């Protein structure tokens, strides 16, 4: 792993990245009932990966992402956004009408707005990571 940042940045990135990712999931799950949601949660997650990218470089960040291309995240986000409208259609209700389901074992309310927020989360994360990684990559031909 090539370290491109300082020791302080490298240490901070290792500790802050998991915390930022957990906070982004909190914002995502909170957002379908209260303020927050997919957009800001996606930005927080992208901030976590960007911090790691600044500390350790593009190749190390790609390893952390497990070789998931940011464009794939955008596509998955768009897919989740499209899928979120299907339950209302099957219920004979107007397009984009919210549907809610309660999972009693863990007392969690699943919904089509949550599915849509997950799609927004993935699309924002993929978009920001794609832009930042493209800006950080250097031409292999340059010395």
N, C-alpha and C. Protein backbone atom coordinates (compact mmCIF):
# COMPACT_ATOMS: atom_id res chain seq x y z
N UNK A 1 0.85 -1.17 0.00
CA UNK A 1 0.00 0.00 0.00
C UNK A 1 0.90 1.23 0.00
N UNK A 2 0.73 2.06 -1.00
CA UNK A 2 1.51 3.28 -1.10
C UNK A 2 0.81 4.36 -0.29
N UNK A 3 1.55 4.97 0.61
CA UNK A 3 0.98 6.02 1.43
C UNK A 3 1.35 7.36 0.82
N UNK A 4 0.33 8.15 0.53
CA UNK A 4 0.60 9.44 -0.10
C UNK A 4 0.36 10.61 0.86
N UNK A 5 -0.23 10.34 2.02
CA UNK A 5 -0.49 11.41 2.97
C UNK A 5 0.52 11.41 4.10
N UNK A 6 0.29 12.26 5.07
CA UNK A 6 1.16 12.32 6.24
C UNK A 6 0.73 11.25 7.23
N UNK A 7 1.52 11.04 8.26
CA UNK A 7 1.19 10.04 9.26
C UNK A 7 -0.09 10.41 10.01
N UNK A 8 -0.31 11.71 10.22
CA UNK A 8 -1.53 12.15 10.90
C UNK A 8 -2.75 11.88 10.02
N UNK A 9 -2.65 12.21 8.74
CA UNK A 9 -3.76 11.97 7.82
C UNK A 9 -4.03 10.47 7.68
N UNK A 10 -2.99 9.67 7.57
CA UNK A 10 -3.17 8.23 7.44
C UNK A 10 -3.86 7.64 8.67
N UNK A 11 -3.44 8.05 9.84
CA UNK A 11 -4.04 7.54 11.07
C UNK A 11 -5.48 8.01 11.21
N UNK A 12 -5.71 9.27 10.92
CA UNK A 12 -7.08 9.81 11.01
C UNK A 12 -8.01 9.11 10.01
N UNK A 13 -7.52 8.85 8.82
CA UNK A 13 -8.35 8.19 7.80
C UNK A 13 -8.75 6.79 8.23
N UNK A 14 -7.82 6.07 8.84
CA UNK A 14 -8.12 4.70 9.29
C UNK A 14 -9.21 4.69 10.36
N UNK A 15 -9.22 5.68 11.24
CA UNK A 15 -10.21 5.71 12.32
C UNK A 15 -11.51 6.40 11.92
N UNK A 16 -11.43 7.42 11.08
CA UNK A 16 -12.63 8.17 10.73
C UNK A 16 -13.48 7.51 9.65
N UNK A 17 -12.86 6.78 8.75
CA UNK A 17 -13.63 6.18 7.66
C UNK A 17 -14.75 5.27 8.16
N UNK A 18 -14.48 4.30 9.06
CA UNK A 18 -15.59 3.47 9.54
C UNK A 18 -16.67 4.27 10.27
N UNK A 19 -16.26 5.29 11.02
CA UNK A 19 -17.24 6.11 11.73
C UNK A 19 -18.12 6.89 10.75
N UNK A 20 -17.50 7.44 9.70
CA UNK A 20 -18.27 8.18 8.70
C UNK A 20 -19.24 7.24 7.96
N UNK A 21 -18.80 6.03 7.66
CA UNK A 21 -19.68 5.09 6.97
C UNK A 21 -20.85 4.68 7.86
N UNK A 22 -20.60 4.46 9.14
CA UNK A 22 -21.70 4.13 10.06
C UNK A 22 -22.67 5.31 10.17
N UNK A 23 -22.13 6.53 10.24
CA UNK A 23 -22.99 7.70 10.31
C UNK A 23 -23.81 7.87 9.04
N UNK A 24 -23.22 7.52 7.88
CA UNK A 24 -23.98 7.63 6.63
C UNK A 24 -25.14 6.63 6.61
N UNK A 25 -24.93 5.43 7.15
CA UNK A 25 -26.02 4.45 7.22
C UNK A 25 -27.10 4.94 8.19
N UNK A 26 -26.68 5.55 9.31
CA UNK A 26 -27.64 6.14 10.24
C UNK A 26 -28.49 7.21 9.55
N UNK A 27 -27.84 8.10 8.81
CA UNK A 27 -28.58 9.14 8.09
C UNK A 27 -29.52 8.55 7.05
N UNK A 28 -29.08 7.50 6.38
CA UNK A 28 -29.92 6.86 5.37
C UNK A 28 -31.16 6.26 6.00
N UNK A 29 -30.99 5.52 7.09
CA UNK A 29 -32.14 4.85 7.71
C UNK A 29 -33.05 5.83 8.45
N UNK A 30 -32.50 6.91 8.94
CA UNK A 30 -33.30 7.91 9.63
C UNK A 30 -34.09 8.76 8.65
N UNK A 31 -33.58 8.91 7.46
CA UNK A 31 -34.12 9.87 6.51
C UNK A 31 -35.48 9.56 5.95
N UNK A 32 -35.92 8.30 5.98
CA UNK A 32 -37.24 8.05 5.41
C UNK A 32 -38.36 8.40 6.39
N UNK A 33 -38.03 8.71 7.64
CA UNK A 33 -39.03 9.16 8.61
C UNK A 33 -38.79 10.60 9.08
N UNK A 34 -37.54 11.02 9.10
CA UNK A 34 -37.15 12.32 9.64
C UNK A 34 -36.14 12.96 8.69
N UNK A 35 -35.69 14.18 9.00
CA UNK A 35 -34.71 14.81 8.11
C UNK A 35 -33.46 13.95 7.93
N UNK A 36 -32.94 13.99 6.75
CA UNK A 36 -31.80 13.16 6.37
C UNK A 36 -32.20 12.42 5.11
N UNK A 37 -31.51 11.41 4.77
CA UNK A 37 -31.91 10.61 3.63
C UNK A 37 -30.75 10.24 2.75
N UNK A 38 -31.09 9.77 1.57
CA UNK A 38 -30.11 9.21 0.66
C UNK A 38 -29.06 10.18 0.17
N UNK A 39 -29.45 11.41 -0.11
CA UNK A 39 -28.49 12.34 -0.70
C UNK A 39 -27.38 12.70 0.28
N UNK A 40 -27.75 13.17 1.47
CA UNK A 40 -26.73 13.57 2.44
C UNK A 40 -25.96 12.35 2.93
N UNK A 41 -26.61 11.20 3.06
CA UNK A 41 -25.92 9.99 3.48
C UNK A 41 -24.89 9.57 2.42
N UNK A 42 -25.24 9.71 1.15
CA UNK A 42 -24.30 9.39 0.08
C UNK A 42 -23.11 10.33 0.07
N UNK A 43 -23.36 11.61 0.37
CA UNK A 43 -22.25 12.56 0.45
C UNK A 43 -21.32 12.25 1.62
N UNK A 44 -21.88 11.86 2.75
CA UNK A 44 -21.05 11.50 3.91
C UNK A 44 -20.21 10.27 3.60
N UNK A 45 -20.81 9.26 2.96
CA UNK A 45 -20.06 8.05 2.58
C UNK A 45 -18.98 8.39 1.56
N UNK A 46 -19.29 9.24 0.60
CA UNK A 46 -18.28 9.65 -0.38
C UNK A 46 -17.16 10.43 0.29
N UNK A 47 -17.50 11.22 1.31
CA UNK A 47 -16.48 11.93 2.07
C UNK A 47 -15.54 10.97 2.79
N UNK A 48 -16.09 9.86 3.29
CA UNK A 48 -15.26 8.87 3.96
C UNK A 48 -14.26 8.25 2.98
N UNK A 49 -14.75 7.86 1.82
CA UNK A 49 -13.86 7.26 0.82
C UNK A 49 -12.88 8.29 0.26
N UNK A 50 -13.30 9.54 0.15
CA UNK A 50 -12.40 10.58 -0.34
C UNK A 50 -11.28 10.85 0.65
N UNK A 51 -11.60 10.86 1.93
CA UNK A 51 -10.56 11.01 2.95
C UNK A 51 -9.55 9.87 2.84
N UNK A 52 -10.03 8.66 2.68
CA UNK A 52 -9.14 7.50 2.52
C UNK A 52 -8.32 7.63 1.25
N UNK A 53 -8.93 8.14 0.19
CA UNK A 53 -8.23 8.33 -1.08
C UNK A 53 -7.11 9.36 -0.93
N UNK A 54 -7.37 10.45 -0.24
CA UNK A 54 -6.33 11.46 -0.02
C UNK A 54 -5.18 10.91 0.81
N UNK A 55 -5.49 10.02 1.76
CA UNK A 55 -4.46 9.48 2.63
C UNK A 55 -3.63 8.38 1.95
N UNK A 56 -4.28 7.51 1.20
CA UNK A 56 -3.59 6.31 0.71
C UNK A 56 -3.52 6.18 -0.80
N UNK A 57 -4.21 7.02 -1.54
CA UNK A 57 -4.14 6.97 -3.00
C UNK A 57 -5.29 6.21 -3.64
N UNK A 58 -5.33 6.29 -4.97
CA UNK A 58 -6.44 5.72 -5.74
C UNK A 58 -6.43 4.20 -5.68
N UNK A 59 -5.27 3.58 -5.83
CA UNK A 59 -5.24 2.11 -5.87
C UNK A 59 -5.67 1.51 -4.54
N UNK A 60 -5.26 2.09 -3.43
CA UNK A 60 -5.67 1.58 -2.13
C UNK A 60 -7.18 1.77 -1.93
N UNK A 61 -7.72 2.87 -2.42
CA UNK A 61 -9.16 3.11 -2.31
C UNK A 61 -9.94 2.11 -3.16
N UNK A 62 -9.43 1.79 -4.34
CA UNK A 62 -10.08 0.77 -5.16
C UNK A 62 -10.07 -0.58 -4.48
N UNK A 63 -9.00 -0.88 -3.74
CA UNK A 63 -8.96 -2.13 -2.99
C UNK A 63 -10.01 -2.13 -1.89
N UNK A 64 -10.18 -1.01 -1.22
CA UNK A 64 -11.19 -0.91 -0.17
C UNK A 64 -12.59 -1.06 -0.76
N UNK A 65 -12.81 -0.51 -1.93
CA UNK A 65 -14.11 -0.63 -2.60
C UNK A 65 -14.33 -2.01 -3.19
N UNK A 66 -13.35 -2.88 -3.06
CA UNK A 66 -13.41 -4.26 -3.57
C UNK A 66 -13.65 -4.29 -5.08
N UNK A 67 -12.99 -3.36 -5.74
CA UNK A 67 -13.03 -3.29 -7.20
C UNK A 67 -14.44 -3.02 -7.74
N UNK A 68 -15.29 -2.39 -6.95
CA UNK A 68 -16.60 -1.96 -7.42
C UNK A 68 -16.40 -0.65 -8.16
N UNK A 69 -16.76 -0.64 -9.41
CA UNK A 69 -16.62 0.57 -10.21
C UNK A 69 -17.69 1.58 -9.78
N UNK A 70 -17.33 2.83 -9.59
CA UNK A 70 -18.34 3.83 -9.23
C UNK A 70 -19.50 3.89 -10.22
N UNK A 71 -19.24 3.59 -11.48
CA UNK A 71 -20.34 3.58 -12.46
C UNK A 71 -21.35 2.48 -12.17
N UNK A 72 -20.88 1.36 -11.60
CA UNK A 72 -21.80 0.30 -11.20
C UNK A 72 -22.70 0.75 -10.05
N UNK A 73 -22.14 1.55 -9.14
CA UNK A 73 -22.95 2.10 -8.05
C UNK A 73 -24.03 3.03 -8.58
N UNK A 74 -23.69 3.83 -9.58
CA UNK A 74 -24.68 4.72 -10.19
C UNK A 74 -25.80 3.89 -10.83
N UNK A 75 -25.43 2.86 -11.56
CA UNK A 75 -26.43 1.99 -12.20
C UNK A 75 -27.31 1.30 -11.18
N UNK A 76 -26.72 0.79 -10.10
CA UNK A 76 -27.51 0.14 -9.05
C UNK A 76 -28.44 1.14 -8.39
N UNK A 77 -27.97 2.36 -8.19
CA UNK A 77 -28.82 3.40 -7.60
C UNK A 77 -30.02 3.72 -8.47
N UNK A 78 -29.78 3.83 -9.77
CA UNK A 78 -30.89 4.08 -10.69
C UNK A 78 -31.87 2.92 -10.71
N UNK A 79 -31.34 1.71 -10.61
CA UNK A 79 -32.20 0.51 -10.57
C UNK A 79 -33.08 0.52 -9.32
N UNK A 80 -32.51 0.81 -8.15
CA UNK A 80 -33.31 0.88 -6.93
C UNK A 80 -34.36 1.98 -7.02
N UNK A 81 -34.01 3.10 -7.61
CA UNK A 81 -34.98 4.18 -7.78
C UNK A 81 -36.15 3.75 -8.65
N UNK A 82 -35.86 3.00 -9.69
CA UNK A 82 -36.94 2.52 -10.57
C UNK A 82 -37.78 1.44 -9.90
N UNK A 83 -37.14 0.57 -9.13
CA UNK A 83 -37.86 -0.51 -8.45
C UNK A 83 -38.80 0.03 -7.39
N UNK A 84 -38.49 1.19 -6.82
CA UNK A 84 -39.31 1.72 -5.73
C UNK A 84 -40.72 2.09 -6.17
N UNK A 85 -40.97 2.21 -7.46
CA UNK A 85 -42.31 2.58 -7.93
C UNK A 85 -43.18 1.36 -8.23
N UNK A 86 -42.59 0.18 -8.26
CA UNK A 86 -43.32 -1.02 -8.66
C UNK A 86 -44.39 -1.45 -7.65
N UNK A 87 -44.14 -1.44 -6.32
CA UNK A 87 -45.18 -1.90 -5.40
C UNK A 87 -46.50 -1.12 -5.51
N UNK A 88 -46.45 0.17 -5.69
CA UNK A 88 -47.68 0.95 -5.84
C UNK A 88 -48.43 0.55 -7.10
N UNK A 89 -47.68 0.25 -8.14
CA UNK A 89 -48.30 -0.16 -9.40
C UNK A 89 -49.05 -1.48 -9.23
N UNK A 90 -48.45 -2.43 -8.48
CA UNK A 90 -49.11 -3.72 -8.24
C UNK A 90 -50.32 -3.59 -7.33
N UNK A 91 -50.36 -2.57 -6.49
CA UNK A 91 -51.49 -2.35 -5.59
C UNK A 91 -52.60 -1.55 -6.26
N UNK A 92 -52.38 -1.14 -7.50
CA UNK A 92 -53.39 -0.37 -8.20
C UNK A 92 -53.48 1.08 -7.74
N UNK A 93 -52.42 1.57 -7.14
CA UNK A 93 -52.40 2.95 -6.65
C UNK A 93 -51.62 3.82 -7.62
N UNK A 94 -51.74 5.15 -7.47
CA UNK A 94 -51.01 6.04 -8.37
C UNK A 94 -49.49 5.83 -8.28
N UNK A 95 -48.86 6.16 -9.37
CA UNK A 95 -47.40 6.08 -9.50
C UNK A 95 -46.71 6.82 -8.36
N UNK A 96 -45.68 6.25 -7.76
CA UNK A 96 -44.88 6.81 -6.66
C UNK A 96 -45.64 6.94 -5.34
N UNK A 97 -46.76 6.23 -5.16
CA UNK A 97 -47.44 6.20 -3.87
C UNK A 97 -46.62 5.34 -2.92
N UNK A 98 -46.35 5.84 -1.73
CA UNK A 98 -45.51 5.12 -0.77
C UNK A 98 -46.22 3.88 -0.24
N UNK A 99 -45.48 2.82 -0.11
CA UNK A 99 -45.96 1.58 0.48
C UNK A 99 -45.09 1.29 1.70
N UNK A 100 -45.72 0.83 2.79
CA UNK A 100 -44.99 0.58 4.04
C UNK A 100 -45.22 -0.85 4.50
N UNK A 101 -44.16 -1.46 5.00
CA UNK A 101 -44.23 -2.80 5.57
C UNK A 101 -43.49 -2.79 6.90
N UNK A 102 -44.05 -3.45 7.90
CA UNK A 102 -43.40 -3.55 9.21
C UNK A 102 -42.78 -4.93 9.35
N UNK A 103 -41.53 -4.95 9.74
CA UNK A 103 -40.83 -6.21 10.02
C UNK A 103 -40.90 -6.37 11.53
N UNK A 104 -41.80 -7.24 12.05
CA UNK A 104 -42.06 -7.27 13.49
C UNK A 104 -40.90 -7.78 14.34
N UNK A 105 -40.07 -8.64 13.80
CA UNK A 105 -38.99 -9.23 14.59
C UNK A 105 -38.02 -8.17 15.09
N UNK A 106 -37.69 -7.20 14.22
CA UNK A 106 -36.76 -6.15 14.61
C UNK A 106 -37.44 -4.78 14.73
N UNK A 107 -38.78 -4.77 14.60
CA UNK A 107 -39.57 -3.54 14.69
C UNK A 107 -39.01 -2.45 13.78
N UNK A 108 -38.92 -2.80 12.50
CA UNK A 108 -38.37 -1.88 11.49
C UNK A 108 -39.43 -1.66 10.43
N UNK A 109 -39.60 -0.40 10.03
CA UNK A 109 -40.56 -0.07 8.97
C UNK A 109 -39.82 0.04 7.64
N UNK A 110 -40.05 -0.91 6.76
CA UNK A 110 -39.49 -0.85 5.41
C UNK A 110 -40.52 -0.15 4.53
N UNK A 111 -40.01 0.53 3.51
CA UNK A 111 -40.93 1.29 2.68
C UNK A 111 -40.32 1.54 1.30
N UNK A 112 -41.18 1.95 0.39
CA UNK A 112 -40.68 2.33 -0.93
C UNK A 112 -39.86 3.62 -0.88
N UNK A 113 -40.18 4.59 0.02
CA UNK A 113 -39.27 5.74 0.12
C UNK A 113 -37.86 5.34 0.57
N UNK A 114 -37.75 4.31 1.44
CA UNK A 114 -36.43 3.83 1.84
C UNK A 114 -35.70 3.20 0.66
N UNK A 115 -36.42 2.44 -0.15
CA UNK A 115 -35.80 1.84 -1.34
C UNK A 115 -35.32 2.95 -2.29
N UNK A 116 -36.13 3.99 -2.45
CA UNK A 116 -35.73 5.12 -3.29
C UNK A 116 -34.51 5.82 -2.70
N UNK A 117 -34.49 6.01 -1.37
CA UNK A 117 -33.34 6.65 -0.72
C UNK A 117 -32.07 5.83 -0.87
N UNK A 118 -32.19 4.51 -0.83
CA UNK A 118 -31.02 3.65 -1.06
C UNK A 118 -30.50 3.87 -2.48
N UNK A 119 -31.41 4.01 -3.43
CA UNK A 119 -31.01 4.30 -4.80
C UNK A 119 -30.30 5.64 -4.92
N UNK A 120 -30.82 6.65 -4.25
CA UNK A 120 -30.17 7.97 -4.26
C UNK A 120 -28.80 7.88 -3.60
N UNK A 121 -28.71 7.16 -2.49
CA UNK A 121 -27.45 6.96 -1.77
C UNK A 121 -26.40 6.37 -2.70
N UNK A 122 -26.75 5.29 -3.39
CA UNK A 122 -25.78 4.63 -4.28
C UNK A 122 -25.41 5.52 -5.47
N UNK A 123 -26.39 6.22 -6.02
CA UNK A 123 -26.11 7.09 -7.17
C UNK A 123 -25.21 8.26 -6.78
N UNK A 124 -25.45 8.86 -5.63
CA UNK A 124 -24.61 9.97 -5.17
C UNK A 124 -23.21 9.48 -4.84
N UNK A 125 -23.12 8.34 -4.13
CA UNK A 125 -21.81 7.78 -3.79
C UNK A 125 -21.02 7.46 -5.05
N UNK A 126 -21.65 6.82 -6.02
CA UNK A 126 -20.97 6.48 -7.26
C UNK A 126 -20.56 7.71 -8.06
N UNK A 127 -21.42 8.71 -8.11
CA UNK A 127 -21.10 9.93 -8.87
C UNK A 127 -19.93 10.68 -8.26
N UNK A 128 -19.98 10.90 -6.97
CA UNK A 128 -18.91 11.65 -6.31
C UNK A 128 -17.60 10.87 -6.37
N UNK A 129 -17.65 9.57 -6.09
CA UNK A 129 -16.42 8.78 -6.12
C UNK A 129 -15.85 8.72 -7.54
N UNK A 130 -16.69 8.62 -8.53
CA UNK A 130 -16.21 8.62 -9.91
C UNK A 130 -15.50 9.91 -10.26
N UNK A 131 -16.08 11.03 -9.85
CA UNK A 131 -15.46 12.33 -10.14
C UNK A 131 -14.14 12.49 -9.40
N UNK A 132 -14.13 12.18 -8.12
CA UNK A 132 -12.92 12.38 -7.31
C UNK A 132 -11.81 11.44 -7.77
N UNK A 133 -12.15 10.19 -8.04
CA UNK A 133 -11.12 9.24 -8.49
C UNK A 133 -10.57 9.62 -9.85
N UNK A 134 -11.42 10.13 -10.73
CA UNK A 134 -10.94 10.57 -12.04
C UNK A 134 -10.00 11.76 -11.90
N UNK A 135 -10.30 12.65 -10.97
CA UNK A 135 -9.42 13.80 -10.76
C UNK A 135 -8.10 13.41 -10.12
N UNK A 136 -8.10 12.36 -9.30
CA UNK A 136 -6.90 11.96 -8.57
C UNK A 136 -5.97 11.04 -9.38
N UNK A 137 -6.52 10.35 -10.37
CA UNK A 137 -5.68 9.46 -11.15
C UNK A 137 -4.73 10.27 -12.00
N UNK A 138 -3.51 9.80 -12.08
CA UNK A 138 -2.51 10.48 -12.91
C UNK A 138 -2.25 9.66 -14.15
N UNK A 139 -1.83 10.32 -15.18
CA UNK A 139 -1.51 9.65 -16.43
C UNK A 139 -0.30 8.74 -16.20
N UNK A 140 -0.42 7.49 -16.64
CA UNK A 140 0.67 6.53 -16.43
C UNK A 140 1.91 6.86 -17.24
N UNK A 141 1.77 7.63 -18.31
CA UNK A 141 2.90 7.95 -19.17
C UNK A 141 3.78 9.07 -18.61
N UNK A 142 3.23 9.86 -17.69
CA UNK A 142 4.02 10.97 -17.14
C UNK A 142 5.03 10.44 -16.15
N UNK A 143 6.19 11.08 -16.02
CA UNK A 143 7.21 10.61 -15.07
C UNK A 143 6.83 10.87 -13.63
